[in-house]
Structure formats: C-alpha cells, structure tokens
Amino acid sequence: MILDIQTARIFHPLLKPARYKGAWGGRGSGKSHFFGEMICEECMAVKSTRAVCIREVQRTLAQSSKHLVESKIRDLGASGFKIFHDRIETPGDALGHTCLA
C-alpha cells in the first residue's frame, strides 16, 4: 500500500534517515501531525517497527499522541494496525507505545 502524504517544506530535513527525530516550537505548527503521519508511513514500510511518541503532558489518552496517531491511521487509510485502549500494534505485530509525559 502506498500512502500519499503531503509534507510541508519546513519538515523535509526530518524525512532523512535518522535513529532519533524530534522537533520543538510553538503550538499549531503541525509538528505532531507531521510525526503522526511519518510514523504511520514508517510502520507500514518497515514491518515490526517499534516506536514511542512523546508529547507534552496531557490529562487523558484522548488528548495524547496516541489519539492523534489513531486519527492519522484512519485518515490515511493505513492498514495492518491494531488499536487497543492503551497501545497500538503496528503491522508485523510490533508495539507502538504512547507516552503521556
């Protein structure tokens, strides 16, 4: 399956291979959305990818990065993910963990 993801020019350097990736800045810049889409794409391309998504402290799972990744999976039509209350299993049965702090 091929995902068609439009990426803002500012995020192009983050598309290069790296073991760790991160970004910081103000609210509303699209960082979480970029990383949510990128992790969906990576997990589909490389089976058994393991990932952790870390975001500022949120009060509930509904406000967490997990919720955002779930919405990206649905919006992109990505397949092979299994969504549970506290985690997401990626294609190839690896775990994608969400960290609230």
C-alpha atoms as a PDB file:
ATOM      1  CA  MET A   1       0.000   0.000   0.000  1.00  0.00           C
ATOM      2  CA  ILE A   2       1.317   3.449  -0.900  1.00  0.00           C
ATOM      3  CA  LEU A   3       0.427   6.409   1.298  1.00  0.00           C
ATOM      4  CA  ASP A   4       0.135   9.814  -0.351  1.00  0.00           C
ATOM      5  CA  ILE A   5       1.331  12.275   2.288  1.00  0.00           C
ATOM      6  CA  GLN A   6       1.915  15.957   1.564  1.00  0.00           C
ATOM      7  CA  THR A   7       4.800  17.317   3.638  1.00  0.00           C
ATOM      8  CA  ALA A   8       5.424  20.989   4.349  1.00  0.00           C
ATOM      9  CA  ARG A   9       8.842  22.162   3.169  1.00  0.00           C
ATOM     10  CA  ILE A  10       9.929  23.023   6.709  1.00  0.00           C
ATOM     11  CA  PHE A  11       9.755  19.311   7.641  1.00  0.00           C
ATOM     12  CA  HIS A  12      11.737  17.995   4.634  1.00  0.00           C
ATOM     13  CA  PRO A  13      15.015  17.684   6.629  1.00  0.00           C
ATOM     14  CA  LEU A  14      13.184  15.334   9.036  1.00  0.00           C
ATOM     15  CA  LEU A  15      12.449  12.921   6.174  1.00  0.00           C
ATOM     16  CA  LYS A  16      16.122  11.908   6.040  1.00  0.00           C
ATOM     17  CA  PRO A  17      17.006   8.654   7.826  1.00  0.00           C
ATOM     18  CA  ALA A  18      17.945   9.049  11.497  1.00  0.00           C
ATOM     19  CA  ARG A  19      17.661   6.873  14.566  1.00  0.00           C
ATOM     20  CA  TYR A  20      16.069   9.655  16.617  1.00  0.00           C
ATOM     21  CA  LYS A  21      13.994  12.571  15.391  1.00  0.00           C
ATOM     22  CA  GLY A  22      12.463  15.446  17.278  1.00  0.00           C
ATOM     23  CA  ALA A  23      11.207  18.986  16.868  1.00  0.00           C
ATOM     24  CA  TRP A  24      10.257  21.788  19.206  1.00  0.00           C
ATOM     25  CA  GLY A  25       8.488  25.066  18.867  1.00  0.00           C
ATOM     26  CA  GLY A  26       5.177  26.783  19.402  1.00  0.00           C
ATOM     27  CA  ARG A  27       1.681  25.376  19.244  1.00  0.00           C
ATOM     28  CA  GLY A  28      -0.095  24.959  15.946  1.00  0.00           C
ATOM     29  CA  SER A  29       2.987  24.449  13.765  1.00  0.00           C
ATOM     30  CA  GLY A  30       1.995  20.954  12.641  1.00  0.00           C
ATOM     31  CA  LYS A  31       4.769  19.037  14.406  1.00  0.00           C
ATOM     32  CA  SER A  32       2.522  16.381  15.934  1.00  0.00           C
ATOM     33  CA  HIS A  33       0.628  15.901  12.670  1.00  0.00           C
ATOM     34  CA  PHE A  34       3.867  15.548  10.695  1.00  0.00           C
ATOM     35  CA  PHE A  35       5.267  12.955  13.108  1.00  0.00           C
ATOM     36  CA  GLY A  36       1.934  11.095  13.305  1.00  0.00           C
ATOM     37  CA  GLU A  37       1.875  10.703   9.529  1.00  0.00           C
ATOM     38  CA  MET A  38       5.573   9.860   9.375  1.00  0.00           C
ATOM     39  CA  ILE A  39       5.273   7.080  11.956  1.00  0.00           C
ATOM     40  CA  CYS A  40       2.304   5.542  10.117  1.00  0.00           C
ATOM     41  CA  GLU A  41       4.300   5.532   6.893  1.00  0.00           C
ATOM     42  CA  GLU A  42       7.427   4.101   8.552  1.00  0.00           C
ATOM     43  CA  CYS A  43       5.486   1.327  10.299  1.00  0.00           C
ATOM     44  CA  MET A  44       3.886   0.266   7.035  1.00  0.00           C
ATOM     45  CA  ALA A  45       7.157   0.388   5.075  1.00  0.00           C
ATOM     46  CA  VAL A  46       9.283  -1.426   7.659  1.00  0.00           C
ATOM     47  CA  LYS A  47       7.323  -4.237   9.311  1.00  0.00           C
ATOM     48  CA  SER A  48       7.871  -4.732  13.039  1.00  0.00           C
ATOM     49  CA  THR A  49       8.935  -1.093  13.525  1.00  0.00           C
ATOM     50  CA  ARG A  50       8.821  -0.131  17.189  1.00  0.00           C
ATOM     51  CA  ALA A  51       8.184   3.486  18.102  1.00  0.00           C
ATOM     52  CA  VAL A  52       7.448   5.725  21.016  1.00  0.00           C
ATOM     53  CA  CYS A  53       5.606   9.027  20.601  1.00  0.00           C
ATOM     54  CA  ILE A  54       6.237  11.607  23.278  1.00  0.00           C
ATOM     55  CA  ARG A  55       4.278  14.823  23.646  1.00  0.00           C
ATOM     56  CA  GLU A  56       3.707  17.352  26.398  1.00  0.00           C
ATOM     57  CA  VAL A  57       1.711  16.108  29.387  1.00  0.00           C
ATOM     58  CA  GLN A  58      -1.954  15.553  28.578  1.00  0.00           C
ATOM     59  CA  ARG A  59      -4.756  14.724  31.003  1.00  0.00           C
ATOM     60  CA  THR A  60      -6.281  11.800  29.092  1.00  0.00           C
ATOM     61  CA  LEU A  61      -5.425   9.306  26.348  1.00  0.00           C
ATOM     62  CA  ALA A  62      -7.969  11.160  24.179  1.00  0.00           C
ATOM     63  CA  GLN A  63      -5.681  14.228  24.289  1.00  0.00           C
ATOM     64  CA  SER A  64      -2.473  12.248  23.856  1.00  0.00           C
ATOM     65  CA  SER A  65      -0.297  11.481  20.874  1.00  0.00           C
ATOM     66  CA  LYS A  66      -1.994   8.056  20.776  1.00  0.00           C
ATOM     67  CA  HIS A  67      -5.285   9.663  19.817  1.00  0.00           C
ATOM     68  CA  LEU A  68      -3.576  11.716  17.117  1.00  0.00           C
ATOM     69  CA  VAL A  69      -1.813   8.635  15.665  1.00  0.00           C
ATOM     70  CA  GLU A  70      -5.139   6.759  15.661  1.00  0.00           C
ATOM     71  CA  SER A  71      -6.730   9.565  13.645  1.00  0.00           C
ATOM     72  CA  LYS A  72      -3.795   9.563  11.190  1.00  0.00           C
ATOM     73  CA  ILE A  73      -4.163   5.803  10.685  1.00  0.00           C
ATOM     74  CA  ARG A  74      -7.852   6.306   9.844  1.00  0.00           C
ATOM     75  CA  ASP A  75      -7.322   9.441   7.703  1.00  0.00           C
ATOM     76  CA  LEU A  76      -4.525   7.846   5.661  1.00  0.00           C
ATOM     77  CA  GLY A  77      -6.371   4.555   5.249  1.00  0.00           C
ATOM     78  CA  ALA A  78      -3.328   2.765   6.680  1.00  0.00           C
ATOM     79  CA  SER A  79      -3.827  -0.955   7.181  1.00  0.00           C
ATOM     80  CA  GLY A  80      -2.361  -3.564   9.499  1.00  0.00           C
ATOM     81  CA  PHE A  81      -2.576  -1.552  12.721  1.00  0.00           C
ATOM     82  CA  LYS A  82      -4.408  -2.933  15.773  1.00  0.00           C
ATOM     83  CA  ILE A  83      -5.688  -0.242  18.122  1.00  0.00           C
ATOM     84  CA  PHE A  84      -6.183  -1.038  21.805  1.00  0.00           C
ATOM     85  CA  HIS A  85      -7.114   1.181  24.738  1.00  0.00           C
ATOM     86  CA  ASP A  86      -3.529   1.657  25.904  1.00  0.00           C
ATOM     87  CA  ARG A  87      -1.396   0.905  22.825  1.00  0.00           C
ATOM     88  CA  ILE A  88      -1.249   0.441  19.073  1.00  0.00           C
ATOM     89  CA  GLU A  89       0.193  -2.689  17.499  1.00  0.00           C
ATOM     90  CA  THR A  90       1.896  -1.881  14.230  1.00  0.00           C
ATOM     91  CA  PRO A  91       1.958  -4.044  11.101  1.00  0.00           C
ATOM     92  CA  GLY A  92       4.202  -7.009  11.838  1.00  0.00           C
ATOM     93  CA  ASP A  93       2.911  -7.161  15.447  1.00  0.00           C
ATOM     94  CA  ALA A  94       5.397  -4.728  16.954  1.00  0.00           C
ATOM     95  CA  LEU A  95       4.172  -2.322  19.605  1.00  0.00           C
ATOM     96  CA  GLY A  96       3.835   1.406  19.195  1.00  0.00           C
ATOM     97  CA  HIS A  97       3.865   2.891  22.668  1.00  0.00           C
ATOM     98  CA  THR A  98       2.437   6.207  23.681  1.00  0.00           C
ATOM     99  CA  CYS A  99       3.988   8.216  26.455  1.00  0.00           C
ATOM    100  CA  LEU A 100       1.904  10.877  28.209  1.00  0.00           C
ATOM    101  CA  ALA A 101       4.780  12.659  29.930  1.00  0.00           C
END
